[in-house]
Amino acid sequence: MSGDIDGATLDVLLRVAGLAPPEECRAGIMANLALLARHGAHLREIDDPMADPAELIAP
């Protein structure tokens, strides 16, 4: 994964986390996740939709 989160991945991440932010927040969430990736967080691909959301971002 390049570090950038696409819309489909964000949908799965939010669903697994039990979150439903307003549509206007999506771009900001995606930008923040990309920023985390650029600064060293390792964003792993979601291979198990029941995985713990906290495990999707490793320090």
C-alpha atoms as a PDB file:
ATOM      1  CA  MET A   1       0.000   0.000   0.000  1.00  0.00           C
ATOM      2  CA  SER A   2       1.416   3.367  -0.929  1.00  0.00           C
ATOM      3  CA  GLY A   3       0.299   5.061   2.261  1.00  0.00           C
ATOM      4  CA  ASP A   4      -2.639   6.821   0.678  1.00  0.00           C
ATOM      5  CA  ILE A   5      -6.045   5.522   1.687  1.00  0.00           C
ATOM      6  CA  ASP A   6      -8.669   5.164  -1.034  1.00  0.00           C
ATOM      7  CA  GLY A   7     -12.384   5.636  -0.464  1.00  0.00           C
ATOM      8  CA  ALA A   8     -13.196   1.917  -0.370  1.00  0.00           C
ATOM      9  CA  THR A   9     -10.501   1.221   2.232  1.00  0.00           C
ATOM     10  CA  LEU A  10     -11.741   4.133   4.324  1.00  0.00           C
ATOM     11  CA  ASP A  11     -15.289   2.744   4.161  1.00  0.00           C
ATOM     12  CA  VAL A  12     -14.104  -0.611   5.534  1.00  0.00           C
ATOM     13  CA  LEU A  13     -11.959   1.019   8.214  1.00  0.00           C
ATOM     14  CA  LEU A  14     -14.832   3.213   9.419  1.00  0.00           C
ATOM     15  CA  ARG A  15     -17.307   0.313   9.354  1.00  0.00           C
ATOM     16  CA  VAL A  16     -14.982  -1.935  11.385  1.00  0.00           C
ATOM     17  CA  ALA A  17     -14.377   0.897  13.849  1.00  0.00           C
ATOM     18  CA  GLY A  18     -18.120   1.488  14.163  1.00  0.00           C
ATOM     19  CA  LEU A  19     -17.818   5.100  13.005  1.00  0.00           C
ATOM     20  CA  ALA A  20     -20.082   7.050  10.671  1.00  0.00           C
ATOM     21  CA  PRO A  21     -18.599  10.522  10.204  1.00  0.00           C
ATOM     22  CA  PRO A  22     -20.360  13.072   7.986  1.00  0.00           C
ATOM     23  CA  GLU A  23     -19.443  12.869   4.296  1.00  0.00           C
ATOM     24  CA  GLU A  24     -17.618  16.208   4.471  1.00  0.00           C
ATOM     25  CA  CYS A  25     -15.132  14.717   6.961  1.00  0.00           C
ATOM     26  CA  ARG A  26     -13.915  11.946   4.633  1.00  0.00           C
ATOM     27  CA  ALA A  27     -11.306  14.029   2.793  1.00  0.00           C
ATOM     28  CA  GLY A  28      -9.829  15.213   6.081  1.00  0.00           C
ATOM     29  CA  ILE A  29      -9.686  11.685   7.477  1.00  0.00           C
ATOM     30  CA  MET A  30      -7.987  10.430   4.315  1.00  0.00           C
ATOM     31  CA  ALA A  31      -5.492  13.315   4.419  1.00  0.00           C
ATOM     32  CA  ASN A  32      -4.664  12.638   8.062  1.00  0.00           C
ATOM     33  CA  LEU A  33      -4.081   8.927   7.398  1.00  0.00           C
ATOM     34  CA  ALA A  34      -1.811   9.808   4.457  1.00  0.00           C
ATOM     35  CA  LEU A  35       0.085  12.241   6.691  1.00  0.00           C
ATOM     36  CA  LEU A  36       0.568   9.511   9.308  1.00  0.00           C
ATOM     37  CA  ALA A  37       1.952   7.214   6.621  1.00  0.00           C
ATOM     38  CA  ARG A  38       4.385   9.847   5.347  1.00  0.00           C
ATOM     39  CA  HIS A  39       5.673  10.390   8.867  1.00  0.00           C
ATOM     40  CA  GLY A  40       6.448   6.777   9.605  1.00  0.00           C
ATOM     41  CA  ALA A  41       3.223   4.988  10.490  1.00  0.00           C
ATOM     42  CA  HIS A  42       2.916   1.712   8.623  1.00  0.00           C
ATOM     43  CA  LEU A  43      -0.609   1.471   7.277  1.00  0.00           C
ATOM     44  CA  ARG A  44      -1.344  -2.169   6.586  1.00  0.00           C
ATOM     45  CA  GLU A  45      -3.843  -3.400   4.064  1.00  0.00           C
ATOM     46  CA  ILE A  46      -7.076  -4.623   5.555  1.00  0.00           C
ATOM     47  CA  ASP A  47      -7.117  -8.371   4.973  1.00  0.00           C
ATOM     48  CA  ASP A  48      -9.549  -9.217   7.768  1.00  0.00           C
ATOM     49  CA  PRO A  49     -12.612  -6.966   8.055  1.00  0.00           C
ATOM     50  CA  MET A  50     -13.045  -8.112  11.662  1.00  0.00           C
ATOM     51  CA  ALA A  51      -9.513  -7.060  12.646  1.00  0.00           C
ATOM     52  CA  ASP A  52      -9.016  -4.628  15.512  1.00  0.00           C
ATOM     53  CA  PRO A  53      -8.892  -1.114  13.959  1.00  0.00           C
ATOM     54  CA  ALA A  54      -6.061  -0.197  16.341  1.00  0.00           C
ATOM     55  CA  GLU A  55      -3.925  -2.858  14.653  1.00  0.00           C
ATOM     56  CA  LEU A  56      -4.383  -1.275  11.220  1.00  0.00           C
ATOM     57  CA  ILE A  57      -1.952   1.506  12.110  1.00  0.00           C
ATOM     58  CA  ALA A  58       1.326   0.268  13.570  1.00  0.00           C
ATOM     59  CA  PRO A  59       3.850   2.703  15.054  1.00  0.00           C
END
